[in-house]
């Protein structure tokens, strides 16, 4: 797999504690509100996700725009031979047509960091807006399954990135 050049629209930087705190303040409209994060103080106290400084530095990046404002985040979760992406745009940036470019930039960043890995992500099957954006970015559905979530069982698609040659 060739390593693409980074997108100038999105800059991936180590997620700082301040970025993590900001991320926890983001609030999404229903039905996307399930993508919100807990209180950062609680996450830090419990050592979960980016509340743990080691996990934050190893798996998370803040995504900045050209003005150095945080407009999103990416989690690059390592599995055996796979980097699984977790993506999120700032709520006021959702629904504005940035999703495909953002997902492509995240896949490119994952390839840059682990060029030997397959790149995939999971998406709830009802989230057609995200699925369309991921397909435009070069991801395709390879599996559908039910798994537990914090609010109960839900159906997900696994989507794998196929880099354009």
N, C-alpha and C. Protein backbone atom coordinates (compact mmCIF):
# COMPACT_ATOMS: atom_id res chain seq x y z
N UNK A 1 0.84 -1.17 0.00
CA UNK A 1 0.00 0.00 0.00
C UNK A 1 0.90 1.24 0.00
N UNK A 2 0.62 2.19 -0.87
CA UNK A 2 1.43 3.41 -0.91
C UNK A 2 0.96 4.36 0.17
N UNK A 3 1.89 5.15 0.67
CA UNK A 3 1.56 6.10 1.73
C UNK A 3 1.21 7.43 1.08
N UNK A 4 -0.07 7.86 1.21
CA UNK A 4 -0.48 9.11 0.60
C UNK A 4 0.14 10.30 1.33
N UNK A 5 0.19 11.43 0.65
CA UNK A 5 0.64 12.65 1.31
C UNK A 5 -0.50 13.17 2.19
N UNK A 6 -0.17 13.84 3.28
CA UNK A 6 -1.21 14.29 4.20
C UNK A 6 -2.11 15.36 3.57
N UNK A 7 -3.38 15.35 3.97
CA UNK A 7 -4.34 16.34 3.50
C UNK A 7 -4.08 17.67 4.18
N UNK A 8 -3.99 18.77 3.41
CA UNK A 8 -3.76 20.07 4.04
C UNK A 8 -4.97 20.56 4.84
N UNK A 9 -6.16 20.01 4.54
CA UNK A 9 -7.39 20.44 5.22
C UNK A 9 -7.44 19.95 6.67
N UNK A 10 -6.78 18.85 6.95
CA UNK A 10 -6.81 18.23 8.28
C UNK A 10 -5.39 17.97 8.75
N UNK A 11 -5.09 18.42 9.95
CA UNK A 11 -3.76 18.18 10.53
C UNK A 11 -3.94 17.35 11.79
N UNK A 12 -3.25 16.20 11.84
CA UNK A 12 -3.34 15.28 12.96
C UNK A 12 -2.21 15.57 13.94
N UNK A 13 -2.58 15.86 15.19
CA UNK A 13 -1.59 16.18 16.21
C UNK A 13 -1.89 15.32 17.44
N UNK A 14 -0.88 15.10 18.28
CA UNK A 14 -1.15 14.34 19.51
C UNK A 14 -2.29 15.01 20.30
N UNK A 15 -3.20 14.19 20.80
CA UNK A 15 -4.31 14.74 21.58
C UNK A 15 -3.81 15.14 22.96
N UNK A 16 -3.90 16.42 23.25
CA UNK A 16 -3.50 16.93 24.56
C UNK A 16 -4.64 16.75 25.56
N UNK A 17 -4.34 16.96 26.81
CA UNK A 17 -5.38 16.92 27.85
C UNK A 17 -6.44 17.98 27.56
N UNK A 18 -6.02 19.15 27.07
CA UNK A 18 -6.95 20.23 26.75
C UNK A 18 -7.86 19.84 25.58
N UNK A 19 -7.30 19.19 24.57
CA UNK A 19 -8.12 18.69 23.46
C UNK A 19 -9.17 17.71 24.00
N UNK A 20 -8.72 16.81 24.87
CA UNK A 20 -9.63 15.80 25.43
C UNK A 20 -10.76 16.45 26.21
N UNK A 21 -10.44 17.47 26.99
CA UNK A 21 -11.47 18.19 27.74
C UNK A 21 -12.46 18.85 26.79
N UNK A 22 -11.95 19.46 25.74
CA UNK A 22 -12.84 20.10 24.75
C UNK A 22 -13.74 19.07 24.09
N UNK A 23 -13.17 17.94 23.72
CA UNK A 23 -13.94 16.88 23.08
C UNK A 23 -15.11 16.44 23.96
N UNK A 24 -14.89 16.37 25.24
CA UNK A 24 -15.96 15.95 26.16
C UNK A 24 -17.08 16.99 26.28
N UNK A 25 -16.84 18.19 25.83
CA UNK A 25 -17.88 19.23 25.89
C UNK A 25 -18.77 19.22 24.65
N UNK A 26 -18.39 18.48 23.61
CA UNK A 26 -19.18 18.47 22.38
C UNK A 26 -20.51 17.76 22.61
N UNK A 27 -21.59 18.34 22.09
CA UNK A 27 -22.93 17.76 22.23
C UNK A 27 -23.57 17.65 20.85
N UNK A 28 -24.03 16.45 20.53
CA UNK A 28 -24.64 16.16 19.25
C UNK A 28 -26.16 16.11 19.39
N UNK A 29 -26.85 16.46 18.31
CA UNK A 29 -28.31 16.37 18.27
C UNK A 29 -28.74 14.91 18.14
N UNK A 30 -29.90 14.54 18.72
CA UNK A 30 -30.41 13.18 18.53
C UNK A 30 -30.62 12.91 17.04
N UNK A 31 -30.41 11.71 16.56
CA UNK A 31 -30.04 10.50 17.30
C UNK A 31 -28.53 10.34 17.48
N UNK A 32 -27.77 11.35 17.06
CA UNK A 32 -26.31 11.26 17.11
C UNK A 32 -25.75 11.56 18.50
N UNK A 33 -26.61 11.91 19.45
CA UNK A 33 -26.16 12.24 20.81
C UNK A 33 -25.48 11.07 21.51
N UNK A 34 -25.71 9.86 21.03
CA UNK A 34 -25.04 8.70 21.64
C UNK A 34 -23.54 8.73 21.40
N UNK A 35 -23.07 9.58 20.47
CA UNK A 35 -21.64 9.70 20.19
C UNK A 35 -20.92 10.63 21.16
N UNK A 36 -21.65 11.26 22.06
CA UNK A 36 -21.02 12.15 23.03
C UNK A 36 -20.20 11.39 24.05
N UNK A 37 -19.25 12.07 24.66
CA UNK A 37 -18.37 11.47 25.65
C UNK A 37 -18.80 11.86 27.06
N UNK A 38 -18.37 11.07 28.03
CA UNK A 38 -18.62 11.36 29.45
C UNK A 38 -17.84 12.60 29.87
N UNK A 39 -18.08 13.01 31.09
CA UNK A 39 -17.32 14.09 31.70
C UNK A 39 -15.84 13.71 31.74
N UNK A 40 -14.97 14.62 31.33
CA UNK A 40 -13.55 14.30 31.25
C UNK A 40 -12.98 13.96 32.63
N UNK A 41 -13.37 14.68 33.66
CA UNK A 41 -12.87 14.38 35.00
C UNK A 41 -13.17 12.94 35.40
N UNK A 42 -14.36 12.48 35.05
CA UNK A 42 -14.73 11.09 35.35
C UNK A 42 -13.88 10.11 34.53
N UNK A 43 -13.72 10.41 33.23
CA UNK A 43 -12.91 9.54 32.37
C UNK A 43 -11.47 9.47 32.89
N UNK A 44 -10.95 10.60 33.32
CA UNK A 44 -9.58 10.65 33.84
C UNK A 44 -9.47 9.87 35.15
N UNK A 45 -10.45 10.05 36.04
CA UNK A 45 -10.44 9.34 37.32
C UNK A 45 -10.53 7.83 37.13
N UNK A 46 -11.32 7.39 36.14
CA UNK A 46 -11.50 5.97 35.88
C UNK A 46 -10.43 5.41 34.94
N UNK A 47 -9.62 6.29 34.33
CA UNK A 47 -8.56 5.85 33.43
C UNK A 47 -9.08 5.19 32.17
N UNK A 48 -10.21 5.71 31.64
CA UNK A 48 -10.78 5.09 30.44
C UNK A 48 -10.56 5.97 29.21
N UNK A 49 -10.46 5.30 28.06
CA UNK A 49 -10.27 5.96 26.77
C UNK A 49 -9.19 7.04 26.87
N UNK A 50 -9.47 8.23 26.35
CA UNK A 50 -8.44 9.27 26.34
C UNK A 50 -8.30 9.96 27.70
N UNK A 51 -9.02 9.49 28.71
CA UNK A 51 -8.79 9.94 30.08
C UNK A 51 -7.51 9.34 30.64
N UNK A 52 -7.04 8.26 30.05
CA UNK A 52 -5.77 7.63 30.41
C UNK A 52 -4.69 8.24 29.51
N UNK A 53 -3.68 8.91 30.09
CA UNK A 53 -2.68 9.57 29.25
C UNK A 53 -1.93 8.64 28.31
N UNK A 54 -1.72 7.38 28.72
CA UNK A 54 -1.02 6.44 27.84
C UNK A 54 -1.88 6.06 26.63
N UNK A 55 -3.15 5.76 26.88
CA UNK A 55 -4.06 5.43 25.78
C UNK A 55 -4.21 6.65 24.87
N UNK A 56 -4.35 7.83 25.48
CA UNK A 56 -4.49 9.06 24.69
C UNK A 56 -3.29 9.25 23.76
N UNK A 57 -2.07 9.06 24.27
CA UNK A 57 -0.89 9.30 23.45
C UNK A 57 -0.67 8.20 22.41
N UNK A 58 -1.09 6.98 22.70
CA UNK A 58 -0.86 5.86 21.79
C UNK A 58 -1.94 5.71 20.72
N UNK A 59 -3.17 6.10 21.03
CA UNK A 59 -4.28 5.79 20.13
C UNK A 59 -5.03 7.00 19.57
N UNK A 60 -4.94 8.14 20.20
CA UNK A 60 -5.80 9.28 19.82
C UNK A 60 -5.00 10.42 19.21
N UNK A 61 -5.64 11.11 18.28
CA UNK A 61 -5.08 12.34 17.72
C UNK A 61 -6.21 13.36 17.61
N UNK A 62 -5.87 14.60 17.88
CA UNK A 62 -6.79 15.70 17.60
C UNK A 62 -6.61 16.07 16.14
N UNK A 63 -7.69 16.48 15.51
CA UNK A 63 -7.63 16.88 14.12
C UNK A 63 -7.91 18.38 14.06
N UNK A 64 -6.92 19.11 13.54
CA UNK A 64 -7.00 20.56 13.48
C UNK A 64 -7.23 21.01 12.04
N UNK A 65 -7.91 22.15 11.90
CA UNK A 65 -8.06 22.74 10.57
C UNK A 65 -6.89 23.69 10.30
N UNK A 66 -6.97 24.41 9.18
CA UNK A 66 -5.86 25.29 8.80
C UNK A 66 -5.63 26.42 9.81
N UNK A 67 -6.67 26.76 10.58
CA UNK A 67 -6.54 27.80 11.61
C UNK A 67 -6.14 27.23 12.97
N UNK A 68 -5.78 25.95 13.00
CA UNK A 68 -5.37 25.24 14.23
C UNK A 68 -6.49 25.10 15.26
N UNK A 69 -7.75 25.10 14.81
CA UNK A 69 -8.88 24.81 15.69
C UNK A 69 -9.20 23.33 15.60
N UNK A 70 -9.51 22.71 16.73
CA UNK A 70 -9.85 21.30 16.72
C UNK A 70 -11.24 21.12 16.11
N UNK A 71 -11.29 20.37 15.02
CA UNK A 71 -12.56 20.12 14.35
C UNK A 71 -12.95 18.64 14.38
N UNK A 72 -12.08 17.83 14.96
CA UNK A 72 -12.40 16.42 15.04
C UNK A 72 -11.34 15.66 15.81
N UNK A 73 -11.54 14.36 15.87
CA UNK A 73 -10.56 13.48 16.50
C UNK A 73 -10.55 12.17 15.75
N UNK A 74 -9.50 11.42 15.94
CA UNK A 74 -9.42 10.07 15.41
C UNK A 74 -8.80 9.17 16.47
N UNK A 75 -9.36 7.98 16.59
CA UNK A 75 -8.73 6.93 17.39
C UNK A 75 -8.17 5.93 16.39
N UNK A 76 -6.92 5.55 16.60
CA UNK A 76 -6.26 4.55 15.76
C UNK A 76 -6.01 3.34 16.66
N UNK A 77 -7.00 2.46 16.71
CA UNK A 77 -6.98 1.34 17.63
C UNK A 77 -6.26 0.16 16.99
N UNK A 78 -5.16 -0.30 17.60
CA UNK A 78 -4.39 -1.40 17.00
C UNK A 78 -4.99 -2.77 17.29
N UNK A 79 -5.21 -3.52 16.23
CA UNK A 79 -5.59 -4.93 16.32
C UNK A 79 -4.51 -5.70 15.57
N UNK A 80 -4.56 -6.99 15.56
CA UNK A 80 -3.55 -7.80 14.87
C UNK A 80 -3.68 -7.61 13.36
N UNK A 81 -2.76 -6.85 12.75
CA UNK A 81 -2.77 -6.63 11.32
C UNK A 81 -3.79 -5.62 10.83
N UNK A 82 -4.46 -4.96 11.77
CA UNK A 82 -5.53 -4.02 11.43
C UNK A 82 -5.41 -2.79 12.30
N UNK A 83 -5.66 -1.62 11.72
CA UNK A 83 -5.87 -0.41 12.50
C UNK A 83 -7.35 -0.07 12.36
N UNK A 84 -8.06 -0.09 13.48
CA UNK A 84 -9.49 0.25 13.49
C UNK A 84 -9.63 1.72 13.83
N UNK A 85 -10.33 2.44 12.97
CA UNK A 85 -10.54 3.86 13.17
C UNK A 85 -11.79 4.13 13.99
N UNK A 86 -11.68 5.11 14.86
CA UNK A 86 -12.82 5.75 15.49
C UNK A 86 -12.74 7.21 15.09
N UNK A 87 -13.82 7.75 14.57
CA UNK A 87 -13.80 9.10 14.02
C UNK A 87 -14.87 9.97 14.66
N UNK A 88 -14.61 11.25 14.75
CA UNK A 88 -15.62 12.17 15.19
C UNK A 88 -15.32 13.58 14.73
N UNK A 89 -16.33 14.21 14.13
CA UNK A 89 -16.25 15.62 13.77
C UNK A 89 -16.93 16.44 14.87
N UNK A 90 -16.46 17.66 15.06
CA UNK A 90 -17.12 18.57 15.99
C UNK A 90 -18.57 18.73 15.53
N UNK A 91 -19.52 18.75 16.46
CA UNK A 91 -20.94 18.75 16.07
C UNK A 91 -21.33 19.83 15.07
N UNK A 92 -20.77 21.02 15.18
CA UNK A 92 -21.15 22.08 14.24
C UNK A 92 -20.54 21.88 12.86
N UNK A 93 -19.70 20.87 12.68
CA UNK A 93 -19.12 20.54 11.37
C UNK A 93 -19.82 19.35 10.72
N UNK A 94 -20.70 18.69 11.45
CA UNK A 94 -21.41 17.52 10.90
C UNK A 94 -22.48 17.98 9.91
N UNK A 95 -22.73 17.14 8.90
CA UNK A 95 -23.77 17.42 7.92
C UNK A 95 -23.41 18.51 6.92
N UNK A 96 -22.13 18.87 6.83
CA UNK A 96 -21.69 19.93 5.92
C UNK A 96 -20.87 19.40 4.75
N UNK A 97 -20.88 18.08 4.55
CA UNK A 97 -20.15 17.51 3.43
C UNK A 97 -18.67 17.27 3.67
N UNK A 98 -18.22 17.35 4.94
CA UNK A 98 -16.81 17.12 5.26
C UNK A 98 -16.49 15.65 5.54
N UNK A 99 -17.51 14.84 5.73
CA UNK A 99 -17.32 13.47 6.20
C UNK A 99 -16.40 12.62 5.35
N UNK A 100 -16.58 12.64 4.04
CA UNK A 100 -15.76 11.79 3.16
C UNK A 100 -14.30 12.22 3.20
N UNK A 101 -14.06 13.53 3.11
CA UNK A 101 -12.67 14.02 3.15
C UNK A 101 -12.04 13.72 4.50
N UNK A 102 -12.81 13.86 5.57
CA UNK A 102 -12.31 13.58 6.91
C UNK A 102 -11.97 12.10 7.07
N UNK A 103 -12.86 11.22 6.61
CA UNK A 103 -12.61 9.78 6.71
C UNK A 103 -11.40 9.38 5.86
N UNK A 104 -11.27 9.95 4.67
CA UNK A 104 -10.12 9.65 3.83
C UNK A 104 -8.83 10.13 4.50
N UNK A 105 -8.84 11.33 5.07
CA UNK A 105 -7.65 11.84 5.76
C UNK A 105 -7.28 10.95 6.93
N UNK A 106 -8.29 10.45 7.67
CA UNK A 106 -8.02 9.54 8.80
C UNK A 106 -7.41 8.23 8.30
N UNK A 107 -7.94 7.70 7.20
CA UNK A 107 -7.38 6.46 6.63
C UNK A 107 -5.94 6.69 6.18
N UNK A 108 -5.69 7.83 5.56
CA UNK A 108 -4.32 8.15 5.13
C UNK A 108 -3.37 8.26 6.32
N UNK A 109 -3.84 8.86 7.41
CA UNK A 109 -3.02 8.96 8.62
C UNK A 109 -2.73 7.57 9.18
N UNK A 110 -3.74 6.70 9.18
CA UNK A 110 -3.54 5.33 9.66
C UNK A 110 -2.52 4.59 8.79
N UNK A 111 -2.58 4.78 7.49
CA UNK A 111 -1.62 4.15 6.58
C UNK A 111 -0.22 4.69 6.83
N UNK A 112 -0.13 5.99 7.04
CA UNK A 112 1.18 6.60 7.32
C UNK A 112 1.80 6.00 8.57
N UNK A 113 0.98 5.76 9.60
CA UNK A 113 1.48 5.24 10.87
C UNK A 113 1.74 3.73 10.84
N UNK A 114 0.93 3.00 10.10
CA UNK A 114 1.05 1.53 10.07
C UNK A 114 0.76 1.04 8.66
N UNK A 115 1.70 1.26 7.71
CA UNK A 115 1.44 0.95 6.31
C UNK A 115 1.15 -0.53 6.03
N UNK A 116 1.54 -1.41 6.92
CA UNK A 116 1.30 -2.84 6.72
C UNK A 116 -0.11 -3.26 7.12
N UNK A 117 -0.83 -2.42 7.85
CA UNK A 117 -2.14 -2.79 8.38
C UNK A 117 -3.27 -2.56 7.39
N UNK A 118 -4.30 -3.40 7.51
CA UNK A 118 -5.58 -3.12 6.89
C UNK A 118 -6.23 -2.02 7.74
N UNK A 119 -7.01 -1.16 7.12
CA UNK A 119 -7.68 -0.08 7.84
C UNK A 119 -9.18 -0.36 7.79
N UNK A 120 -9.81 -0.37 8.96
CA UNK A 120 -11.26 -0.55 8.97
C UNK A 120 -11.90 0.34 10.02
N UNK A 121 -13.22 0.29 10.05
CA UNK A 121 -13.99 1.02 11.05
C UNK A 121 -15.32 0.30 11.23
N UNK A 122 -15.99 0.63 12.32
CA UNK A 122 -17.33 0.12 12.57
C UNK A 122 -18.29 1.30 12.53
N UNK A 123 -19.48 1.06 12.00
CA UNK A 123 -20.50 2.10 11.94
C UNK A 123 -21.86 1.46 12.20
N UNK A 124 -22.67 2.15 12.98
CA UNK A 124 -24.03 1.67 13.21
C UNK A 124 -24.79 1.63 11.90
N UNK A 125 -25.54 0.56 11.65
CA UNK A 125 -26.20 0.38 10.36
C UNK A 125 -27.24 1.45 10.07
N UNK A 126 -27.80 2.07 11.11
CA UNK A 126 -28.79 3.13 10.88
C UNK A 126 -28.16 4.46 10.47
N UNK A 127 -26.84 4.62 10.64
CA UNK A 127 -26.18 5.89 10.36
C UNK A 127 -25.82 6.00 8.87
N UNK A 128 -26.86 6.17 8.07
CA UNK A 128 -26.68 6.22 6.61
C UNK A 128 -25.83 7.41 6.17
N UNK A 129 -25.90 8.52 6.88
CA UNK A 129 -25.08 9.69 6.53
C UNK A 129 -23.60 9.33 6.61
N UNK A 130 -23.20 8.67 7.69
CA UNK A 130 -21.79 8.26 7.85
C UNK A 130 -21.42 7.18 6.84
N UNK A 131 -22.30 6.22 6.62
CA UNK A 131 -22.00 5.14 5.67
C UNK A 131 -21.74 5.71 4.28
N UNK A 132 -22.57 6.66 3.83
CA UNK A 132 -22.35 7.28 2.52
C UNK A 132 -21.01 8.00 2.47
N UNK A 133 -20.67 8.73 3.54
CA UNK A 133 -19.39 9.44 3.58
C UNK A 133 -18.23 8.46 3.53
N UNK A 134 -18.31 7.38 4.28
CA UNK A 134 -17.23 6.39 4.30
C UNK A 134 -17.09 5.71 2.94
N UNK A 135 -18.21 5.43 2.28
CA UNK A 135 -18.14 4.83 0.94
C UNK A 135 -17.48 5.78 -0.04
N UNK A 136 -17.81 7.06 0.02
CA UNK A 136 -17.17 8.05 -0.86
C UNK A 136 -15.67 8.13 -0.59
N UNK A 137 -15.26 7.87 0.65
CA UNK A 137 -13.84 7.92 1.02
C UNK A 137 -13.07 6.66 0.61
N UNK A 138 -13.79 5.62 0.18
CA UNK A 138 -13.10 4.40 -0.26
C UNK A 138 -13.29 3.20 0.66
N UNK A 139 -14.18 3.29 1.64
CA UNK A 139 -14.47 2.15 2.51
C UNK A 139 -15.62 1.35 1.89
N UNK A 140 -15.62 0.03 2.12
CA UNK A 140 -16.73 -0.80 1.68
C UNK A 140 -17.13 -1.76 2.80
N UNK A 141 -18.40 -2.09 2.83
CA UNK A 141 -18.94 -2.96 3.88
C UNK A 141 -18.46 -4.39 3.63
N UNK A 142 -17.90 -4.99 4.68
CA UNK A 142 -17.42 -6.37 4.57
C UNK A 142 -18.14 -7.32 5.52
N UNK A 143 -18.83 -6.78 6.52
CA UNK A 143 -19.49 -7.63 7.49
C UNK A 143 -20.55 -6.81 8.22
N UNK A 144 -21.57 -7.50 8.72
CA UNK A 144 -22.61 -6.87 9.53
C UNK A 144 -22.85 -7.79 10.72
N UNK A 145 -22.94 -7.21 11.91
CA UNK A 145 -23.07 -8.01 13.12
C UNK A 145 -23.69 -7.16 14.23
N UNK A 146 -24.14 -7.85 15.26
CA UNK A 146 -24.70 -7.21 16.44
C UNK A 146 -23.66 -7.33 17.54
N UNK A 147 -23.46 -6.22 18.27
CA UNK A 147 -22.55 -6.26 19.41
C UNK A 147 -23.08 -5.31 20.48
N UNK A 148 -22.59 -5.50 21.72
CA UNK A 148 -23.06 -4.65 22.81
C UNK A 148 -22.52 -3.22 22.69
N UNK A 149 -23.32 -2.27 23.15
CA UNK A 149 -22.93 -0.87 23.25
C UNK A 149 -23.33 -0.40 24.65
N UNK A 150 -22.94 0.79 25.06
CA UNK A 150 -23.35 1.28 26.38
C UNK A 150 -24.87 1.39 26.55
N UNK A 151 -25.62 1.43 25.43
CA UNK A 151 -27.08 1.54 25.53
C UNK A 151 -27.79 0.25 25.14
N UNK A 152 -27.06 -0.85 24.99
CA UNK A 152 -27.65 -2.13 24.62
C UNK A 152 -27.08 -2.67 23.32
N UNK A 153 -27.65 -3.76 22.84
CA UNK A 153 -27.20 -4.39 21.60
C UNK A 153 -27.53 -3.49 20.41
N UNK A 154 -26.63 -3.47 19.42
CA UNK A 154 -26.86 -2.68 18.21
C UNK A 154 -26.20 -3.36 17.03
N UNK A 155 -26.74 -3.09 15.84
CA UNK A 155 -26.21 -3.68 14.62
C UNK A 155 -25.19 -2.73 13.98
N UNK A 156 -24.05 -3.30 13.61
CA UNK A 156 -22.93 -2.55 13.02
C UNK A 156 -22.53 -3.15 11.69
N UNK A 157 -22.00 -2.27 10.82
CA UNK A 157 -21.26 -2.72 9.64
C UNK A 157 -19.78 -2.56 9.97
N UNK A 158 -18.97 -3.49 9.51
CA UNK A 158 -17.53 -3.30 9.46
C UNK A 158 -17.23 -2.86 8.04
N UNK A 159 -16.48 -1.76 7.92
CA UNK A 159 -16.14 -1.22 6.60
C UNK A 159 -14.62 -1.17 6.49
N UNK A 160 -14.09 -1.67 5.37
CA UNK A 160 -12.65 -1.76 5.14
C UNK A 160 -12.26 -0.75 4.07
N UNK A 161 -11.14 -0.09 4.30
CA UNK A 161 -10.63 0.90 3.36
C UNK A 161 -9.88 0.22 2.22
N UNK A 162 -10.20 0.60 1.01
CA UNK A 162 -9.49 0.13 -0.17
C UNK A 162 -8.87 1.34 -0.84
N UNK A 163 -7.58 1.52 -0.65
CA UNK A 163 -6.87 2.67 -1.19
C UNK A 163 -6.94 2.66 -2.71
N UNK A 164 -7.17 3.84 -3.27
CA UNK A 164 -7.17 3.97 -4.73
C UNK A 164 -5.74 3.86 -5.22
N UNK A 165 -5.52 3.10 -6.26
CA UNK A 165 -4.15 2.93 -6.79
C UNK A 165 -3.88 3.93 -7.89
